[in-house]
Amino acid sequence: GDKARLTVQGDRAVLTLAGVNSMALRDWLAEARSGARARTIEANLSRGGNGLTGTVVVGMGGGS
């Protein structure tokens, strides 16, 4: 929706969040791990009145 934007950069994807609830982020991360074999590399999140805001970087393609 309008609360998240996904940008793919080579073998990484950056998810930018603005006011997303933690359950929605949890569900997205589970889907990314399962479907794309993505793993979280870095997360910079803050919690505010509207939910989580920040970025999550995931590496795609499995790896070790």
C-alpha atoms as a PDB file:
ATOM      1  CA  GLY A   1       0.000   0.000   0.000  1.00  0.00           C
ATOM      2  CA  ASP A   2       1.020   3.600   0.507  1.00  0.00           C
ATOM      3  CA  LYS A   3       2.842   2.806   3.763  1.00  0.00           C
ATOM      4  CA  ALA A   4       5.666   0.779   2.222  1.00  0.00           C
ATOM      5  CA  ARG A   5       7.904   0.969  -0.841  1.00  0.00           C
ATOM      6  CA  LEU A   6      10.157  -1.818  -2.113  1.00  0.00           C
ATOM      7  CA  THR A   7      13.244  -1.019  -4.181  1.00  0.00           C
ATOM      8  CA  VAL A   8      15.395  -3.804  -5.652  1.00  0.00           C
ATOM      9  CA  GLN A   9      19.115  -3.056  -6.000  1.00  0.00           C
ATOM     10  CA  GLY A  10      20.984  -6.030  -7.461  1.00  0.00           C
ATOM     11  CA  ASP A  11      20.827  -8.919  -4.975  1.00  0.00           C
ATOM     12  CA  ARG A  12      19.333  -6.718  -2.249  1.00  0.00           C
ATOM     13  CA  ALA A  13      15.953  -5.165  -1.672  1.00  0.00           C
ATOM     14  CA  VAL A  14      15.228  -2.137   0.486  1.00  0.00           C
ATOM     15  CA  LEU A  15      11.818  -1.892   2.114  1.00  0.00           C
ATOM     16  CA  THR A  16      11.018   1.665   3.214  1.00  0.00           C
ATOM     17  CA  LEU A  17       8.232   1.898   5.794  1.00  0.00           C
ATOM     18  CA  ALA A  18       6.100   4.784   6.992  1.00  0.00           C
ATOM     19  CA  GLY A  19       3.622   3.950   9.745  1.00  0.00           C
ATOM     20  CA  VAL A  20       3.365   0.172   9.238  1.00  0.00           C
ATOM     21  CA  ASN A  21       2.076  -2.030  12.052  1.00  0.00           C
ATOM     22  CA  SER A  22       4.466  -4.661  13.394  1.00  0.00           C
ATOM     23  CA  MET A  23       2.209  -7.589  12.413  1.00  0.00           C
ATOM     24  CA  ALA A  24       2.211  -6.483   8.755  1.00  0.00           C
ATOM     25  CA  LEU A  25       6.020  -6.245   8.790  1.00  0.00           C
ATOM     26  CA  ARG A  26       6.308  -9.661  10.427  1.00  0.00           C
ATOM     27  CA  ASP A  27       4.063 -11.179   7.753  1.00  0.00           C
ATOM     28  CA  TRP A  28       6.046  -9.519   4.932  1.00  0.00           C
ATOM     29  CA  LEU A  29       9.373 -10.758   6.325  1.00  0.00           C
ATOM     30  CA  ALA A  30       8.021 -14.311   6.641  1.00  0.00           C
ATOM     31  CA  GLU A  31       6.800 -14.202   3.029  1.00  0.00           C
ATOM     32  CA  ALA A  32      10.130 -12.791   1.814  1.00  0.00           C
ATOM     33  CA  ARG A  33      12.069 -15.534   3.637  1.00  0.00           C
ATOM     34  CA  SER A  34       9.835 -18.260   2.270  1.00  0.00           C
ATOM     35  CA  GLY A  35       9.138 -17.054  -1.264  1.00  0.00           C
ATOM     36  CA  ALA A  36      12.307 -15.211  -2.236  1.00  0.00           C
ATOM     37  CA  ARG A  37      14.721 -16.905   0.174  1.00  0.00           C
ATOM     38  CA  ALA A  38      15.574 -13.432   1.426  1.00  0.00           C
ATOM     39  CA  ARG A  39      17.347 -12.755   4.707  1.00  0.00           C
ATOM     40  CA  THR A  40      17.418  -9.556   6.709  1.00  0.00           C
ATOM     41  CA  ILE A  41      20.787  -7.815   6.451  1.00  0.00           C
ATOM     42  CA  GLU A  42      20.026  -4.527   8.163  1.00  0.00           C
ATOM     43  CA  ALA A  43      17.070  -2.845   9.841  1.00  0.00           C
ATOM     44  CA  ASN A  44      16.760   0.749  10.979  1.00  0.00           C
ATOM     45  CA  LEU A  45      13.295   1.132  12.498  1.00  0.00           C
ATOM     46  CA  SER A  46      11.616   3.403  14.983  1.00  0.00           C
ATOM     47  CA  ARG A  47       8.206   3.020  16.576  1.00  0.00           C
ATOM     48  CA  GLY A  48       5.856   5.972  16.622  1.00  0.00           C
ATOM     49  CA  GLY A  49       2.177   6.603  17.159  1.00  0.00           C
ATOM     50  CA  ASN A  50       1.369   5.485  13.616  1.00  0.00           C
ATOM     51  CA  GLY A  51       3.514   2.316  13.675  1.00  0.00           C
ATOM     52  CA  LEU A  52       6.993   1.451  12.441  1.00  0.00           C
ATOM     53  CA  THR A  53       8.997   3.836  10.261  1.00  0.00           C
ATOM     54  CA  GLY A  54      12.389   3.244   8.657  1.00  0.00           C
ATOM     55  CA  THR A  55      14.106   0.763   6.368  1.00  0.00           C
ATOM     56  CA  VAL A  56      14.738  -2.975   6.180  1.00  0.00           C
ATOM     57  CA  VAL A  57      17.411  -4.309   3.822  1.00  0.00           C
ATOM     58  CA  VAL A  58      17.160  -7.948   2.729  1.00  0.00           C
ATOM     59  CA  GLY A  59      19.597 -10.038   0.715  1.00  0.00           C
ATOM     60  CA  MET A  60      18.022 -12.264  -1.918  1.00  0.00           C
ATOM     61  CA  GLY A  61      19.088 -15.521  -3.431  1.00  0.00           C
ATOM     62  CA  GLY A  62      19.704 -17.601  -0.326  1.00  0.00           C
ATOM     63  CA  GLY A  63      23.428 -17.439   0.263  1.00  0.00           C
ATOM     64  CA  SER A  64      25.047 -19.065   3.271  1.00  0.00           C
END
